[in-house]
C-alpha atoms as a PDB file:
ATOM      1  CA  MET A   1      54.228 -62.836 103.481  1.00  0.00           C
ATOM      2  CA  ASP A   2      50.895 -61.047 103.255  1.00  0.00           C
ATOM      3  CA  SER A   3      50.669 -58.181 105.738  1.00  0.00           C
ATOM      4  CA  GLU A   4      47.392 -59.570 107.090  1.00  0.00           C
ATOM      5  CA  HIS A   5      49.246 -62.721 108.194  1.00  0.00           C
ATOM      6  CA  ARG A   6      52.388 -61.026 109.508  1.00  0.00           C
ATOM      7  CA  ASP A   7      53.673 -62.496 112.772  1.00  0.00           C
ATOM      8  CA  LEU A   8      52.780 -60.458 115.840  1.00  0.00           C
ATOM      9  CA  GLY A   9      54.937 -59.649 118.848  1.00  0.00           C
ATOM     10  CA  GLY A  10      58.145 -58.882 116.918  1.00  0.00           C
ATOM     11  CA  PRO A  11      60.991 -56.537 117.887  1.00  0.00           C
ATOM     12  CA  ASP A  12      59.092 -53.349 116.981  1.00  0.00           C
ATOM     13  CA  GLU A  13      56.247 -54.284 119.304  1.00  0.00           C
ATOM     14  CA  SER A  14      58.722 -55.078 122.083  1.00  0.00           C
ATOM     15  CA  VAL A  15      60.379 -51.670 121.700  1.00  0.00           C
ATOM     16  CA  GLN A  16      56.988 -49.955 121.828  1.00  0.00           C
ATOM     17  CA  ALA A  17      56.093 -51.873 124.989  1.00  0.00           C
ATOM     18  CA  ASP A  18      59.360 -50.798 126.626  1.00  0.00           C
ATOM     19  CA  THR A  19      58.693 -47.188 125.639  1.00  0.00           C
ATOM     20  CA  VAL A  20      55.232 -47.312 127.189  1.00  0.00           C
ATOM     21  CA  ARG A  21      56.595 -48.907 130.382  1.00  0.00           C
ATOM     22  CA  ALA A  22      59.254 -46.199 130.642  1.00  0.00           C
ATOM     23  CA  LEU A  23      56.660 -43.444 130.204  1.00  0.00           C
ATOM     24  CA  LEU A  24      54.369 -45.000 132.812  1.00  0.00           C
ATOM     25  CA  HIS A  25      57.348 -45.227 135.167  1.00  0.00           C
ATOM     26  CA  ASP A  26      57.961 -41.491 134.750  1.00  0.00           C
ATOM     27  CA  LEU A  27      54.288 -40.571 135.052  1.00  0.00           C
ATOM     28  CA  ARG A  28      53.979 -42.445 138.333  1.00  0.00           C
ATOM     29  CA  GLY A  29      56.085 -39.887 140.220  1.00  0.00           C
ATOM     30  CA  PRO A  30      54.003 -36.764 139.561  1.00  0.00           C
ATOM     31  CA  VAL A  31      50.726 -38.697 139.932  1.00  0.00           C
ATOM     32  CA  SER A  32      51.834 -39.982 143.347  1.00  0.00           C
ATOM     33  CA  ALA A  33      52.957 -36.491 144.329  1.00  0.00           C
ATOM     34  CA  ILE A  34      49.597 -34.978 143.394  1.00  0.00           C
ATOM     35  CA  ARG A  35      47.762 -37.619 145.428  1.00  0.00           C
ATOM     36  CA  LEU A  36      49.997 -36.963 148.426  1.00  0.00           C
ATOM     37  CA  LEU A  37      49.793 -33.182 148.157  1.00  0.00           C
ATOM     38  CA  SER A  38      45.996 -33.245 147.789  1.00  0.00           C
ATOM     39  CA  ASP A  39      45.540 -35.414 150.877  1.00  0.00           C
ATOM     40  CA  GLY A  40      43.419 -33.414 153.314  1.00  0.00           C
ATOM     41  CA  SER A  41      40.165 -31.517 153.196  1.00  0.00           C
ATOM     42  CA  ARG A  42      41.696 -28.059 152.636  1.00  0.00           C
ATOM     43  CA  PRO A  43      45.133 -28.077 150.985  1.00  0.00           C
ATOM     44  CA  SER A  44      47.232 -24.981 151.720  1.00  0.00           C
ATOM     45  CA  GLU A  45      48.104 -22.426 149.053  1.00  0.00           C
ATOM     46  CA  ARG A  46      51.641 -23.818 149.003  1.00  0.00           C
ATOM     47  CA  ARG A  47      50.310 -27.304 148.348  1.00  0.00           C
ATOM     48  CA  LEU A  48      47.994 -26.061 145.623  1.00  0.00           C
ATOM     49  CA  THR A  49      50.963 -24.375 143.932  1.00  0.00           C
ATOM     50  CA  ALA A  50      52.939 -27.613 144.164  1.00  0.00           C
ATOM     51  CA  ILE A  51      49.995 -29.559 142.710  1.00  0.00           C
ATOM     52  CA  ALA A  52      49.808 -27.120 139.794  1.00  0.00           C
ATOM     53  CA  GLU A  53      53.553 -27.561 139.158  1.00  0.00           C
ATOM     54  CA  GLN A  54      53.221 -31.351 139.186  1.00  0.00           C
ATOM     55  CA  ALA A  55      50.240 -31.159 136.827  1.00  0.00           C
ATOM     56  CA  GLY A  56      52.239 -28.908 134.505  1.00  0.00           C
ATOM     57  CA  TRP A  57      55.053 -31.436 134.444  1.00  0.00           C
ATOM     58  CA  LEU A  58      52.579 -34.229 133.697  1.00  0.00           C
ATOM     59  CA  GLY A  59      51.315 -32.226 130.742  1.00  0.00           C
ATOM     60  CA  ALA A  60      54.855 -31.619 129.452  1.00  0.00           C
ATOM     61  CA  LEU A  61      55.660 -35.340 129.671  1.00  0.00           C
ATOM     62  CA  ILE A  62      52.517 -36.306 127.794  1.00  0.00           C
ATOM     63  CA  GLU A  63      53.001 -33.697 125.069  1.00  0.00           C
ATOM     64  CA  SER A  64      56.618 -34.776 124.613  1.00  0.00           C
ATOM     65  CA  ALA A  65      55.580 -38.434 124.354  1.00  0.00           C
ATOM     66  CA  LEU A  66      53.005 -37.492 121.718  1.00  0.00           C
ATOM     67  CA  GLY A  67      55.666 -35.653 119.729  1.00  0.00           C
ATOM     68  CA  ASN A  68      54.123 -32.250 120.327  1.00  0.00           C
ATOM     69  CA  GLY A  69      55.980 -29.159 121.446  1.00  0.00           C
ATOM     70  CA  PRO A  70      59.538 -27.909 120.821  1.00  0.00           C
ATOM     71  CA  ASP A  71      61.498 -30.570 122.734  1.00  0.00           C
ATOM     72  CA  ARG A  72      64.458 -30.561 120.375  1.00  0.00           C
ATOM     73  CA  VAL A  73      68.175 -30.306 121.040  1.00  0.00           C
ATOM     74  CA  GLN A  74      68.849 -26.651 121.788  1.00  0.00           C
ATOM     75  CA  ALA A  75      70.993 -24.413 123.998  1.00  0.00           C
ATOM     76  CA  VAL A  76      69.476 -24.653 127.478  1.00  0.00           C
ATOM     77  CA  ASP A  77      70.398 -23.212 130.856  1.00  0.00           C
ATOM     78  CA  LEU A  78      70.774 -26.524 132.655  1.00  0.00           C
ATOM     79  CA  CYS A  79      70.793 -24.825 136.051  1.00  0.00           C
ATOM     80  CA  VAL A  80      67.189 -23.757 135.412  1.00  0.00           C
ATOM     81  CA  VAL A  81      66.250 -27.318 134.417  1.00  0.00           C
ATOM     82  CA  VAL A  82      67.882 -28.650 137.596  1.00  0.00           C
ATOM     83  CA  GLU A  83      66.102 -26.088 139.806  1.00  0.00           C
ATOM     84  CA  GLU A  84      62.727 -27.018 138.338  1.00  0.00           C
ATOM     85  CA  ALA A  85      63.331 -30.776 138.569  1.00  0.00           C
ATOM     86  CA  VAL A  86      64.527 -30.552 142.166  1.00  0.00           C
ATOM     87  CA  GLY A  87      61.617 -28.261 143.035  1.00  0.00           C
ATOM     88  CA  LEU A  88      59.157 -30.941 141.945  1.00  0.00           C
ATOM     89  CA  TRP A  89      60.835 -33.542 144.163  1.00  0.00           C
ATOM     90  CA  ARG A  90      61.287 -31.275 147.179  1.00  0.00           C
ATOM     91  CA  ALA A  91      57.510 -30.991 147.480  1.00  0.00           C
ATOM     92  CA  THR A  92      57.202 -34.610 148.642  1.00  0.00           C
ATOM     93  CA  ALA A  93      60.702 -36.028 149.246  1.00  0.00           C
ATOM     94  CA  PRO A  94      61.266 -37.293 152.808  1.00  0.00           C
ATOM     95  CA  CYS A  95      64.959 -36.365 152.699  1.00  0.00           C
ATOM     96  CA  GLU A  96      66.911 -33.180 152.079  1.00  0.00           C
ATOM     97  CA  ILE A  97      67.784 -32.307 148.467  1.00  0.00           C
ATOM     98  CA  ALA A  98      70.469 -29.656 147.993  1.00  0.00           C
ATOM     99  CA  ILE A  99      71.754 -27.992 144.829  1.00  0.00           C
ATOM    100  CA  ASP A 100      75.395 -27.052 144.229  1.00  0.00           C
ATOM    101  CA  ALA A 101      75.461 -25.099 140.983  1.00  0.00           C
ATOM    102  CA  PRO A 102      76.749 -21.905 139.380  1.00  0.00           C
ATOM    103  CA  ALA A 103      74.420 -19.066 138.411  1.00  0.00           C
ATOM    104  CA  SER A 104      74.011 -20.621 134.956  1.00  0.00           C
ATOM    105  CA  ALA A 105      75.445 -23.426 132.830  1.00  0.00           C
ATOM    106  CA  TRP A 106      74.409 -23.628 129.193  1.00  0.00           C
ATOM    107  CA  GLY A 107      74.397 -26.963 127.403  1.00  0.00           C
ATOM    108  CA  TRP A 108      72.942 -28.628 124.319  1.00  0.00           C
ATOM    109  CA  ALA A 109      69.918 -30.652 125.362  1.00  0.00           C
ATOM    110  CA  ARG A 110      66.246 -31.429 124.951  1.00  0.00           C
ATOM    111  CA  PRO A 111      64.736 -29.632 127.982  1.00  0.00           C
ATOM    112  CA  VAL A 112      61.864 -32.027 128.699  1.00  0.00           C
ATOM    113  CA  ALA A 113      64.039 -35.065 128.049  1.00  0.00           C
ATOM    114  CA  VAL A 114      66.775 -33.898 130.441  1.00  0.00           C
ATOM    115  CA  ALA A 115      64.205 -33.031 133.110  1.00  0.00           C
ATOM    116  CA  ARG A 116      62.771 -36.533 132.655  1.00  0.00           C
ATOM    117  CA  ALA A 117      66.217 -38.084 133.158  1.00  0.00           C
ATOM    118  CA  LEU A 118      66.773 -35.968 136.265  1.00  0.00           C
ATOM    119  CA  GLY A 119      63.411 -37.112 137.606  1.00  0.00           C
ATOM    120  CA  CYS A 120      64.425 -40.766 137.171  1.00  0.00           C
ATOM    121  CA  LEU A 121      67.753 -40.220 138.925  1.00  0.00           C
ATOM    122  CA  LEU A 122      66.216 -38.198 141.736  1.00  0.00           C
ATOM    123  CA  ASP A 123      63.604 -40.923 142.233  1.00  0.00           C
ATOM    124  CA  ASN A 124      66.388 -43.466 142.721  1.00  0.00           C
ATOM    125  CA  ALA A 125      68.506 -41.179 144.902  1.00  0.00           C
ATOM    126  CA  VAL A 126      65.649 -40.146 147.209  1.00  0.00           C
ATOM    127  CA  ARG A 127      64.583 -43.741 147.796  1.00  0.00           C
ATOM    128  CA  ALA A 128      68.196 -44.791 148.389  1.00  0.00           C
ATOM    129  CA  ALA A 129      68.834 -41.956 150.854  1.00  0.00           C
ATOM    130  CA  GLY A 130      65.722 -42.699 152.898  1.00  0.00           C
ATOM    131  CA  ASP A 131      64.006 -40.440 155.415  1.00  0.00           C
ATOM    132  CA  GLU A 132      67.192 -39.368 157.212  1.00  0.00           C
ATOM    133  CA  GLY A 133      69.474 -39.175 154.170  1.00  0.00           C
ATOM    134  CA  HIS A 134      70.730 -36.468 151.876  1.00  0.00           C
ATOM    135  CA  VAL A 135      70.803 -35.941 148.124  1.00  0.00           C
ATOM    136  CA  VAL A 136      72.974 -33.343 146.377  1.00  0.00           C
ATOM    137  CA  VAL A 137      72.644 -32.274 142.745  1.00  0.00           C
ATOM    138  CA  GLN A 138      75.850 -30.728 141.416  1.00  0.00           C
ATOM    139  CA  VAL A 139      76.221 -28.808 138.161  1.00  0.00           C
ATOM    140  CA  LYS A 140      79.706 -28.195 136.753  1.00  0.00           C
ATOM    141  CA  ASP A 141      80.399 -26.102 133.664  1.00  0.00           C
ATOM    142  CA  ASP A 142      83.673 -27.489 132.309  1.00  0.00           C
ATOM    143  CA  ALA A 143      84.800 -25.129 129.554  1.00  0.00           C
ATOM    144  CA  ALA A 144      88.091 -26.999 129.047  1.00  0.00           C
ATOM    145  CA  ALA A 145      86.276 -30.285 128.358  1.00  0.00           C
ATOM    146  CA  GLY A 146      83.509 -28.565 126.413  1.00  0.00           C
ATOM    147  CA  GLU A 147      80.775 -30.125 128.508  1.00  0.00           C
ATOM    148  CA  VAL A 148      78.379 -29.595 131.401  1.00  0.00           C
ATOM    149  CA  ARG A 149      78.145 -32.339 134.018  1.00  0.00           C
ATOM    150  CA  ILE A 150      75.155 -32.867 136.294  1.00  0.00           C
ATOM    151  CA  SER A 151      75.791 -35.269 139.168  1.00  0.00           C
ATOM    152  CA  ILE A 152      73.219 -36.668 141.606  1.00  0.00           C
ATOM    153  CA  LEU A 153      74.844 -37.916 144.813  1.00  0.00           C
ATOM    154  CA  ASP A 154      73.117 -39.770 147.639  1.00  0.00           C
ATOM    155  CA  ASP A 155      74.311 -41.199 150.942  1.00  0.00           C
ATOM    156  CA  GLY A 156      72.263 -44.380 150.689  1.00  0.00           C
ATOM    157  CA  PRO A 157      73.450 -48.001 150.920  1.00  0.00           C
ATOM    158  CA  GLY A 158      75.073 -48.004 147.473  1.00  0.00           C
ATOM    159  CA  LEU A 159      74.699 -49.729 144.116  1.00  0.00           C
ATOM    160  CA  GLY A 160      72.610 -52.896 143.997  1.00  0.00           C
ATOM    161  CA  ARG A 161      71.073 -52.334 147.418  1.00  0.00           C
ATOM    162  CA  ILE A 162      67.872 -50.496 146.537  1.00  0.00           C
ATOM    163  CA  PRO A 163      64.653 -51.840 144.920  1.00  0.00           C
ATOM    164  CA  SER A 164      65.069 -53.347 141.463  1.00  0.00           C
ATOM    165  CA  ARG A 165      62.705 -50.940 139.692  1.00  0.00           C
ATOM    166  CA  THR A 166      65.577 -48.442 139.594  1.00  0.00           C
ATOM    167  CA  SER A 167      66.828 -50.265 136.488  1.00  0.00           C
ATOM    168  CA  LEU A 168      63.942 -48.957 134.381  1.00  0.00           C
ATOM    169  CA  GLY A 169      64.756 -45.367 135.345  1.00  0.00           C
ATOM    170  CA  LEU A 170      68.421 -45.907 134.480  1.00  0.00           C
ATOM    171  CA  THR A 171      67.463 -47.389 131.109  1.00  0.00           C
ATOM    172  CA  THR A 172      65.296 -44.339 130.411  1.00  0.00           C
ATOM    173  CA  THR A 173      68.133 -42.022 131.426  1.00  0.00           C
ATOM    174  CA  ARG A 174      70.580 -43.711 129.045  1.00  0.00           C
ATOM    175  CA  ALA A 175      68.086 -43.448 126.177  1.00  0.00           C
ATOM    176  CA  VAL A 176      67.379 -39.793 126.939  1.00  0.00           C
ATOM    177  CA  MET A 177      71.063 -38.909 127.047  1.00  0.00           C
ATOM    178  CA  ALA A 178      71.605 -40.637 123.716  1.00  0.00           C
ATOM    179  CA  ALA A 179      68.776 -38.549 122.246  1.00  0.00           C
ATOM    180  CA  CYS A 180      70.538 -35.410 123.535  1.00  0.00           C
ATOM    181  CA  ASN A 181      73.930 -36.527 122.178  1.00  0.00           C
ATOM    182  CA  GLY A 182      75.114 -36.738 125.772  1.00  0.00           C
ATOM    183  CA  GLY A 183      76.486 -39.406 128.093  1.00  0.00           C
ATOM    184  CA  PHE A 184      75.546 -41.129 131.332  1.00  0.00           C
ATOM    185  CA  ARG A 185      77.378 -43.178 133.934  1.00  0.00           C
ATOM    186  CA  ILE A 186      76.731 -44.394 137.453  1.00  0.00           C
ATOM    187  CA  ARG A 187      79.347 -45.329 140.034  1.00  0.00           C
ATOM    188  CA  PRO A 188      79.774 -45.877 143.782  1.00  0.00           C
ATOM    189  CA  GLY A 189      80.275 -42.802 145.950  1.00  0.00           C
ATOM    190  CA  LEU A 190      83.639 -42.133 147.595  1.00  0.00           C
ATOM    191  CA  ASP A 191      82.564 -43.441 151.000  1.00  0.00           C
ATOM    192  CA  VAL A 192      78.868 -44.298 150.782  1.00  0.00           C
ATOM    193  CA  GLY A 193      75.997 -44.020 148.363  1.00  0.00           C
ATOM    194  CA  THR A 194      75.928 -43.655 144.612  1.00  0.00           C
ATOM    195  CA  VAL A 195      76.864 -41.000 142.058  1.00  0.00           C
ATOM    196  CA  ALA A 196      74.844 -40.737 138.839  1.00  0.00           C
ATOM    197  CA  GLU A 197      76.302 -38.357 136.274  1.00  0.00           C
ATOM    198  CA  ILE A 198      74.986 -37.038 132.985  1.00  0.00           C
ATOM    199  CA  ARG A 199      77.188 -35.147 130.535  1.00  0.00           C
ATOM    200  CA  LEU A 200      76.041 -32.754 127.833  1.00  0.00           C
ATOM    201  CA  GLY A 201      77.845 -30.676 125.257  1.00  0.00           C
ATOM    202  CA  ARG A 202      78.587 -27.125 126.409  1.00  0.00           C
ATOM    203  CA  ALA A 203      76.717 -24.216 124.824  1.00  0.00           C
ATOM    204  CA  THR A 204      76.601 -20.446 125.409  1.00  0.00           C
ATOM    205  CA  GLU A 205      73.837 -17.995 126.195  1.00  0.00           C
ATOM    206  CA  GLN A 206      74.574 -16.263 122.888  1.00  0.00           C
ATOM    207  CA  GLN A 207      73.872 -19.521 121.017  1.00  0.00           C
ATOM    208  CA  ALA A 208      70.520 -19.749 122.794  1.00  0.00           C
ATOM    209  CA  ALA A 209      69.641 -16.217 121.755  1.00  0.00           C
ATOM    210  CA  GLY A 210      70.616 -16.947 118.166  1.00  0.00           C
END
């Protein structure tokens, strides 16, 4: 068939639409945070710093989506990525977000992609926990298994009991983990809430330096 008469709306177009929807989903968080942080006639220095951090993250997301920058699989200190991702959410989250992590944990990952996945999971966890809830991000460096595990735990109502838009964030997380040669699973918490876990191959600081 002549290319000028090729049928429109095929699988490739559907995939592109899903990619755009996923990116818009991830952009919504920092945009909303900037609007909230800038509310008021004279934002404090702390708020201005938080706005700058959110704007920086917006820029990193856009550059990554455009294929610019060095977001390739590399040895990354995942504790640093977690600290930065949680820091962005702490600026506006209504609930407490704690981190339980070692001093460092090196894994093979795409830094922007992993931060994007963490943002999706934190979005879900914060909304599930609500104003009075708690979210904990745990990092475990498992040398025996050859992997680093990052778990996001909340004390919300549990799987299937929060708004349906969480599914788009989970789809993005699965795709991101696949791009990092990692894994992802989500399960009910021991007593309440949900546990979302991403797994990445273990690396060393020496591999990062090399």
